[in-house]
């Protein structure tokens, strides 16, 4: 009987001891785990800057030559020389090709011969008129003879004027045997070779000369910005500045001035055409090139800016992570005016001097503790995060 009672009691004691150990273990471990805070997330930080910020309107445009001329023959003849190299820079008046001048020079010589003949006849006719006039005063020559001689003198004088006009016209024709550049520019591909007959009806002419400096850009903007552009033009009294960038906005190709706001809006697209002129001495702009145009419409004084990577996009729009004094981050909704050249202009949501997260946002949420990286560590972190961002 005692044995039966002792065994259950022993079992009960063992179970009680086990339960006590379990409770002690659970209560001791829980506080230890909860007390260990998560490690701070390393981030790269920046400061909200305040300075004057240019405001641009962005459009797409096509570069066109300031002047383009097709060099054509004004007379017919055989080309005896080509005096340019394709792609060569030429100046107005430079000889580009020579048409055989001999037929036109022969025509001039013929007209000069006619002039000299008529001049000799006029000298003789005037001398006869003088003699007949003297004889008529003495009654030895009839009035009819004198009048006939006067008419002959007038006829020869008219013939001389005609001869002189023909000579001048022939000299003009001779000058057309020299095909010269009408403008400063660059010659293109030669359209005809030496030895061929060229004429005013030759389809492609001799060559195209294109003026590259200055050069023009025609671009479009939404019609809604037209009042702002016109208002700024009236206020500044000076042409607005236009920047030209390549298609991926990585390189500035030139800076010019707005020269024309077209006189009508394109109804099909709801846009307005504008024209700008650029100095192009380095020839970074080329006719037919598609470029991005930035029209400077105003400058915001004391604007707030952050690096473009600070701005994040969420379901509710743009936001940024702001680093608070206690080392945690807060999510701040933003209103962004523009992003240009890696810099975001902030309308609202940030204050000058605040610290914001530039890189490392992918591991953050509101209240996360962060540690700010500096120097090489910041550069390495930015590189790693950029690499991770490219991994799908």
Protein backbone atom coordinates (compact mmCIF):
# COMPACT_ATOMS: atom_id res chain seq x y z
CA UNK A 1 0.00 0.00 0.00
CA UNK A 2 2.81 2.42 0.84
CA UNK A 3 4.62 1.52 -2.34
CA UNK A 4 1.58 2.32 -4.44
CA UNK A 5 1.23 5.74 -2.83
CA UNK A 6 4.95 6.57 -3.05
CA UNK A 7 5.29 6.00 -6.78
CA UNK A 8 2.52 8.42 -7.90
CA UNK A 9 3.83 10.99 -5.47
CA UNK A 10 7.29 10.72 -6.94
CA UNK A 11 5.91 11.10 -10.45
CA UNK A 12 3.91 14.14 -9.39
CA UNK A 13 7.02 15.72 -7.93
CA UNK A 14 9.02 15.16 -11.08
CA UNK A 15 6.28 16.76 -13.22
CA UNK A 16 6.06 19.74 -10.92
CA UNK A 17 9.80 20.26 -11.03
CA UNK A 18 9.78 20.06 -14.83
CA UNK A 19 6.99 22.59 -15.10
CA UNK A 20 8.82 24.95 -12.78
CA UNK A 21 11.99 24.73 -14.85
CA UNK A 22 10.03 25.38 -18.06
CA UNK A 23 8.36 28.47 -16.62
CA UNK A 24 11.65 29.81 -15.31
CA UNK A 25 13.34 29.20 -18.66
CA UNK A 26 10.54 30.89 -20.61
CA UNK A 27 10.34 33.96 -18.40
CA UNK A 28 14.08 34.40 -18.26
CA UNK A 29 14.63 34.14 -22.00
CA UNK A 30 11.79 36.37 -23.14
CA UNK A 31 13.11 39.56 -21.59
CA UNK A 32 16.58 38.82 -22.91
CA UNK A 33 15.33 38.46 -26.51
CA UNK A 34 13.05 41.49 -26.34
CA UNK A 35 15.77 43.60 -24.81
CA UNK A 36 18.14 43.13 -27.79
CA UNK A 37 17.41 46.08 -30.20
CA UNK A 38 17.79 45.57 -33.98
CA UNK A 39 21.05 46.72 -35.51
CA UNK A 40 20.91 50.23 -37.09
CA UNK A 41 20.60 50.27 -40.86
CA UNK A 42 23.56 51.93 -42.61
CA UNK A 43 22.50 54.71 -44.97
CA UNK A 44 24.00 57.56 -46.93
CA UNK A 45 22.59 60.91 -45.84
CA UNK A 46 22.33 64.35 -47.38
CA UNK A 47 21.17 67.78 -46.29
CA UNK A 48 18.32 69.80 -47.76
CA UNK A 49 20.00 72.72 -49.52
CA UNK A 50 18.59 76.16 -50.22
CA UNK A 51 19.70 78.21 -53.23
CA UNK A 52 18.45 79.81 -56.46
CA UNK A 53 17.11 77.15 -58.81
CA UNK A 54 16.40 77.66 -62.55
CA UNK A 55 12.96 76.43 -63.66
CA UNK A 56 12.89 74.79 -67.07
CA UNK A 57 10.21 73.66 -69.49
CA UNK A 58 11.36 70.52 -71.26
CA UNK A 59 10.59 69.64 -74.85
CA UNK A 60 11.91 67.63 -77.78
CA UNK A 61 13.20 69.27 -80.93
CA UNK A 62 15.09 68.86 -84.18
CA UNK A 63 18.24 70.73 -85.15
CA UNK A 64 18.02 72.51 -88.51
CA UNK A 65 20.67 74.37 -90.46
CA UNK A 66 20.58 78.15 -90.18
CA UNK A 67 20.93 78.33 -93.98
CA UNK A 68 20.99 75.58 -96.61
CA UNK A 69 21.82 76.28 -100.26
CA UNK A 70 21.91 73.97 -103.25
CA UNK A 71 24.68 75.17 -105.57
CA UNK A 72 23.23 75.02 -109.09
CA UNK A 73 24.51 76.10 -112.48
CA UNK A 74 22.84 79.11 -114.09
CA UNK A 75 24.20 78.23 -117.52
CA UNK A 76 24.92 75.04 -119.41
CA UNK A 77 28.43 73.77 -119.91
CA UNK A 78 31.00 71.11 -119.22
CA UNK A 79 32.59 70.89 -115.78
CA UNK A 80 36.33 71.18 -116.18
CA UNK A 81 37.29 71.23 -112.48
CA UNK A 82 35.94 70.51 -108.99
CA UNK A 83 37.58 72.77 -106.43
CA UNK A 84 36.36 71.40 -103.10
CA UNK A 85 36.57 68.29 -100.96
CA UNK A 86 33.42 66.75 -99.57
CA UNK A 87 32.90 67.86 -95.96
CA UNK A 88 35.16 70.88 -96.40
CA UNK A 89 34.46 74.16 -94.65
CA UNK A 90 34.02 76.95 -97.19
CA UNK A 91 33.36 80.67 -97.13
CA UNK A 92 31.05 82.80 -99.21
CA UNK A 93 32.63 83.40 -102.62
CA UNK A 94 34.97 80.38 -102.56
CA UNK A 95 35.26 78.64 -105.94
CA UNK A 96 33.59 75.22 -105.88
CA UNK A 97 33.69 74.25 -109.57
CA UNK A 98 34.53 75.66 -112.99
CA UNK A 99 32.46 75.34 -116.16
CA UNK A 100 34.34 75.57 -119.48
CA UNK A 101 34.45 79.35 -120.10
CA UNK A 102 35.64 79.30 -123.73
CA UNK A 103 32.23 79.48 -125.47
CA UNK A 104 31.22 82.43 -123.31
CA UNK A 105 34.55 84.18 -123.73
CA UNK A 106 34.23 83.79 -127.51
CA UNK A 107 30.81 85.39 -127.38
CA UNK A 108 32.25 88.37 -125.49
CA UNK A 109 35.01 88.72 -128.10
CA UNK A 110 32.38 88.69 -130.85
CA UNK A 111 30.35 91.43 -129.19
CA UNK A 112 33.49 93.51 -128.61
CA UNK A 113 34.25 93.20 -132.33
CA UNK A 114 30.76 94.40 -133.18
CA UNK A 115 31.18 97.32 -130.82
CA UNK A 116 34.45 98.37 -132.39
CA UNK A 117 32.94 98.13 -135.88
CA UNK A 118 29.94 100.25 -134.92
CA UNK A 119 32.18 102.79 -133.19
CA UNK A 120 34.25 103.15 -136.36
CA UNK A 121 31.11 103.60 -138.45
CA UNK A 122 29.78 106.16 -135.97
CA UNK A 123 33.00 108.17 -136.22
CA UNK A 124 32.69 108.21 -139.98
CA UNK A 125 28.97 109.09 -139.86
CA UNK A 126 29.61 112.00 -137.51
CA UNK A 127 32.35 113.30 -139.77
CA UNK A 128 30.01 113.13 -142.77
CA UNK A 129 27.29 114.89 -140.80
CA UNK A 130 29.70 117.70 -140.00
CA UNK A 131 30.64 118.09 -143.68
CA UNK A 132 27.03 117.96 -144.87
CA UNK A 133 26.03 120.54 -142.33
CA UNK A 134 28.75 122.91 -143.52
CA UNK A 135 27.75 122.37 -147.14
CA UNK A 136 24.12 122.87 -146.31
CA UNK A 137 24.91 126.25 -144.74
CA UNK A 138 26.31 127.29 -148.12
CA UNK A 139 23.40 125.83 -150.06
CA UNK A 140 25.49 122.97 -151.51
CA UNK A 141 23.71 120.13 -149.63
CA UNK A 142 19.99 119.46 -149.39
CA UNK A 143 18.18 119.39 -146.03
CA UNK A 144 17.10 115.82 -146.79
CA UNK A 145 20.69 114.67 -147.05
CA UNK A 146 21.55 116.28 -143.75
CA UNK A 147 18.54 114.70 -141.99
CA UNK A 148 19.41 111.28 -143.42
CA UNK A 149 22.93 111.57 -142.12
CA UNK A 150 21.65 112.59 -138.66
CA UNK A 151 19.44 109.50 -138.61
CA UNK A 152 22.40 107.32 -139.50
CA UNK A 153 24.42 108.80 -136.65
CA UNK A 154 21.58 108.14 -134.20
CA UNK A 155 21.20 104.58 -135.49
CA UNK A 156 24.89 103.84 -134.94
CA UNK A 157 24.80 105.38 -131.45
CA UNK A 158 21.94 103.05 -130.58
CA UNK A 159 23.82 100.10 -132.05
CA UNK A 160 26.80 100.91 -129.83
CA UNK A 161 24.59 100.94 -126.73
CA UNK A 162 23.22 97.56 -127.78
CA UNK A 163 26.72 96.23 -128.29
CA UNK A 164 27.75 97.42 -124.84
CA UNK A 165 24.69 95.80 -123.26
CA UNK A 166 25.41 92.54 -125.03
CA UNK A 167 28.98 92.62 -123.77
CA UNK A 168 27.83 93.18 -120.19
CA UNK A 169 25.29 90.35 -120.48
CA UNK A 170 27.95 88.06 -121.91
CA UNK A 171 30.31 88.93 -119.05
CA UNK A 172 27.57 87.96 -116.58
CA UNK A 173 27.18 84.65 -118.41
CA UNK A 174 30.94 84.18 -118.24
CA UNK A 175 30.89 84.83 -114.49
CA UNK A 176 28.38 81.99 -114.14
CA UNK A 177 31.05 79.57 -115.30
CA UNK A 178 32.51 79.94 -111.78
CA UNK A 179 30.30 78.07 -109.31
CA UNK A 180 30.99 79.66 -105.92
CA UNK A 181 29.67 79.13 -102.40
CA UNK A 182 26.84 81.56 -101.56
CA UNK A 183 27.35 81.25 -97.78
CA UNK A 184 29.83 80.23 -95.13
CA UNK A 185 29.28 76.58 -94.32
CA UNK A 186 30.18 72.96 -94.94
CA UNK A 187 29.84 71.25 -98.31
CA UNK A 188 28.12 67.89 -98.53
CA UNK A 189 28.31 65.05 -101.04
CA UNK A 190 29.30 65.97 -104.60
CA UNK A 191 26.39 65.30 -106.96
CA UNK A 192 28.21 65.47 -110.32
CA UNK A 193 31.71 64.68 -111.55
CA UNK A 194 34.24 66.47 -113.72
CA UNK A 195 33.60 66.12 -117.44
CA UNK A 196 29.81 66.00 -117.20
CA UNK A 197 27.49 68.62 -118.62
CA UNK A 198 25.78 70.68 -115.96
CA UNK A 199 22.83 72.99 -116.54
CA UNK A 200 20.12 74.83 -114.60
CA UNK A 201 17.89 71.76 -115.01
CA UNK A 202 20.34 69.39 -113.34
CA UNK A 203 18.19 67.87 -110.60
CA UNK A 204 20.56 67.79 -107.64
CA UNK A 205 22.84 70.61 -108.67
CA UNK A 206 26.52 70.47 -107.81
CA UNK A 207 26.51 70.20 -104.02
CA UNK A 208 24.63 71.37 -100.91
CA UNK A 209 26.28 73.93 -98.63
CA UNK A 210 24.98 73.98 -95.06
CA UNK A 211 25.63 76.74 -92.53
CA UNK A 212 26.37 75.23 -89.10
CA UNK A 213 27.38 78.31 -87.11
CA UNK A 214 25.01 79.60 -85.97
CA UNK A 215 22.47 76.78 -86.05
CA UNK A 216 18.77 76.56 -85.20
CA UNK A 217 16.59 74.29 -83.09
CA UNK A 218 12.83 73.88 -83.52
CA UNK A 219 11.10 72.28 -80.53
CA UNK A 220 7.61 71.99 -79.08
CA UNK A 221 6.07 72.58 -75.65
CA UNK A 222 2.52 72.08 -74.35
CA UNK A 223 0.27 75.02 -75.16
CA UNK A 224 -0.44 75.49 -71.44
CA UNK A 225 3.02 76.99 -70.85
CA UNK A 226 2.53 79.70 -73.50
CA UNK A 227 1.25 82.39 -71.08
CA UNK A 228 4.23 81.76 -68.80
CA UNK A 229 6.67 82.09 -71.70
CA UNK A 230 5.10 85.25 -73.08
CA UNK A 231 4.87 86.78 -69.62
CA UNK A 232 8.51 86.05 -68.88
CA UNK A 233 9.56 87.53 -72.24
CA UNK A 234 7.73 90.75 -71.49
CA UNK A 235 9.09 90.91 -67.96
CA UNK A 236 12.73 90.22 -68.78
CA UNK A 237 12.93 92.23 -72.05
CA UNK A 238 15.68 89.82 -73.12
CA UNK A 239 15.60 86.55 -75.06
CA UNK A 240 14.99 83.48 -72.92
CA UNK A 241 17.82 80.96 -72.59
CA UNK A 242 17.52 77.51 -74.16
CA UNK A 243 19.74 74.50 -73.40
CA UNK A 244 20.15 71.57 -75.78
CA UNK A 245 20.91 68.07 -74.44
CA UNK A 246 21.40 64.72 -76.11
CA UNK A 247 18.51 62.25 -76.05
CA UNK A 248 19.45 60.62 -72.74
CA UNK A 249 20.13 63.97 -71.03
CA UNK A 250 23.70 63.06 -70.17
CA UNK A 251 25.48 65.76 -72.18
CA UNK A 252 24.78 69.42 -72.79
CA UNK A 253 25.30 70.18 -76.47
CA UNK A 254 24.85 73.93 -76.47
CA UNK A 255 23.25 77.03 -75.00
CA UNK A 256 21.27 79.42 -77.15
CA UNK A 257 18.47 81.96 -77.13
CA UNK A 258 14.80 81.75 -77.95
CA UNK A 259 14.22 83.64 -81.20
CA UNK A 260 10.65 82.74 -82.16
CA UNK A 261 7.35 81.66 -80.64
CA UNK A 262 5.29 80.43 -83.56
CA UNK A 263 2.13 82.33 -84.42
CA UNK A 264 -0.25 79.39 -84.05
CA UNK A 265 -0.85 76.34 -81.88
CA UNK A 266 -0.75 72.90 -83.47
CA UNK A 267 -4.33 71.69 -83.06
CA UNK A 268 -3.45 68.03 -83.62
CA UNK A 269 -1.05 67.89 -80.67
CA UNK A 270 -2.06 70.88 -78.54
CA UNK A 271 1.50 72.19 -78.59
CA UNK A 272 3.32 75.34 -79.57
CA UNK A 273 6.42 75.43 -81.79
CA UNK A 274 9.43 77.48 -80.73
CA UNK A 275 12.71 78.25 -82.44
CA UNK A 276 16.08 78.89 -80.80
CA UNK A 277 19.43 79.90 -82.25
CA UNK A 278 22.72 78.47 -80.99
CA UNK A 279 26.34 79.39 -81.62
CA UNK A 280 27.86 76.15 -82.84
CA UNK A 281 31.58 76.69 -83.23
CA UNK A 282 32.39 73.25 -81.81
CA UNK A 283 29.72 71.67 -84.05
CA UNK A 284 28.17 69.59 -81.31
CA UNK A 285 24.78 70.27 -82.89
CA UNK A 286 24.16 68.78 -86.33
CA UNK A 287 21.27 69.31 -88.77
CA UNK A 288 18.60 66.64 -88.41
CA UNK A 289 19.70 65.69 -84.88
CA UNK A 290 16.96 64.93 -82.34
CA UNK A 291 17.69 66.65 -79.02
CA UNK A 292 16.04 67.52 -75.72
CA UNK A 293 15.42 71.23 -75.24
CA UNK A 294 15.18 73.03 -71.91
CA UNK A 295 13.65 76.49 -71.93
CA UNK A 296 14.55 78.60 -68.89
CA UNK A 297 11.31 80.34 -67.95
CA UNK A 298 12.16 81.63 -64.47
CA UNK A 299 14.42 81.22 -61.45
CA UNK A 300 13.14 80.25 -58.01
CA UNK A 301 15.01 82.13 -55.35
CA UNK A 302 15.97 80.22 -52.18
CA UNK A 303 14.52 76.99 -53.54
CA UNK A 304 14.87 73.76 -51.54
CA UNK A 305 16.78 71.00 -53.31
CA UNK A 306 17.86 67.44 -52.57
CA UNK A 307 19.60 64.78 -54.67
CA UNK A 308 17.12 63.12 -57.01
CA UNK A 309 17.64 59.72 -55.31
CA UNK A 310 16.09 61.11 -52.11
CA UNK A 311 12.66 61.20 -53.76
CA UNK A 312 10.84 57.86 -53.50
CA UNK A 313 7.53 56.94 -55.10
CA UNK A 314 4.74 55.21 -53.22
CA UNK A 315 1.02 54.55 -53.61
CA UNK A 316 0.26 58.02 -52.29
CA UNK A 317 2.88 59.82 -54.37
CA UNK A 318 6.37 61.09 -53.68
CA UNK A 319 7.99 60.84 -50.24
CA UNK A 320 11.37 60.91 -48.53
CA UNK A 321 12.98 59.44 -45.42
CA UNK A 322 13.94 62.21 -42.99
CA UNK A 323 16.53 61.43 -40.31
CA UNK A 324 15.33 62.71 -36.94
CA UNK A 325 17.66 63.85 -34.12
CA UNK A 326 17.20 60.52 -32.28
CA UNK A 327 18.66 58.58 -35.22
CA UNK A 328 15.39 57.17 -36.49
CA UNK A 329 13.74 57.92 -39.81
CA UNK A 330 10.32 59.32 -40.57
CA UNK A 331 8.40 59.18 -43.85
CA UNK A 332 7.66 62.66 -45.18
CA UNK A 333 5.27 63.20 -48.15
CA UNK A 334 6.72 65.54 -50.78
CA UNK A 335 5.55 67.79 -53.54
CA UNK A 336 8.24 67.92 -56.23
CA UNK A 337 8.44 70.84 -58.65
CA UNK A 338 11.00 69.38 -61.03
CA UNK A 339 13.89 66.93 -61.26
CA UNK A 340 16.80 68.11 -63.39
CA UNK A 341 20.48 67.17 -63.60
CA UNK A 342 20.19 64.79 -60.65
CA UNK A 343 18.62 67.42 -58.40
CA UNK A 344 15.02 67.59 -57.19
CA UNK A 345 13.36 70.92 -56.44
CA UNK A 346 10.93 70.54 -53.54
CA UNK A 347 7.74 72.59 -53.32
CA UNK A 348 6.72 71.28 -49.87
CA UNK A 349 7.52 68.54 -47.36
CA UNK A 350 11.08 69.44 -46.35
CA UNK A 351 12.91 72.25 -44.57
CA UNK A 352 16.35 73.68 -45.21
CA UNK A 353 19.07 71.91 -43.22
CA UNK A 354 17.12 68.70 -42.58
CA UNK A 355 18.94 65.41 -43.05
CA UNK A 356 17.45 63.01 -45.58
CA UNK A 357 18.37 59.52 -46.74
CA UNK A 358 20.09 59.58 -50.10
CA UNK A 359 20.87 55.84 -50.43
CA UNK A 360 19.76 52.80 -48.46
CA UNK A 361 15.98 53.32 -48.44
CA UNK A 362 15.12 49.75 -49.43
CA UNK A 363 15.61 48.47 -45.84
CA UNK A 364 13.84 51.33 -44.10
CA UNK A 365 10.45 51.89 -42.62
CA UNK A 366 9.09 54.54 -40.30
CA UNK A 367 10.96 54.46 -36.97
CA UNK A 368 13.97 52.46 -38.20
CA UNK A 369 17.25 53.36 -36.50
CA UNK A 370 19.98 54.29 -38.94
CA UNK A 371 23.68 54.88 -38.90
CA UNK A 372 25.11 57.38 -41.36
CA UNK A 373 27.99 56.30 -43.54
CA UNK A 374 30.72 58.71 -44.58
CA UNK A 375 33.57 58.82 -47.07
CA UNK A 376 34.55 55.56 -48.76
CA UNK A 377 31.98 53.58 -46.80
CA UNK A 378 29.23 55.80 -48.20
CA UNK A 379 30.56 55.35 -51.73
CA UNK A 380 30.76 51.56 -51.34
CA UNK A 381 27.27 51.39 -49.88
CA UNK A 382 25.88 53.47 -52.70
CA UNK A 383 27.57 51.21 -55.24
CA UNK A 384 26.23 48.05 -53.57
CA UNK A 385 22.73 49.44 -53.38
CA UNK A 386 22.84 50.46 -57.01
CA UNK A 387 23.95 46.95 -57.92
CA UNK A 388 21.21 45.35 -55.82
CA UNK A 389 18.65 47.65 -57.40
CA UNK A 390 19.49 46.17 -60.81
CA UNK A 391 18.93 42.58 -59.63
CA UNK A 392 15.36 41.49 -60.40
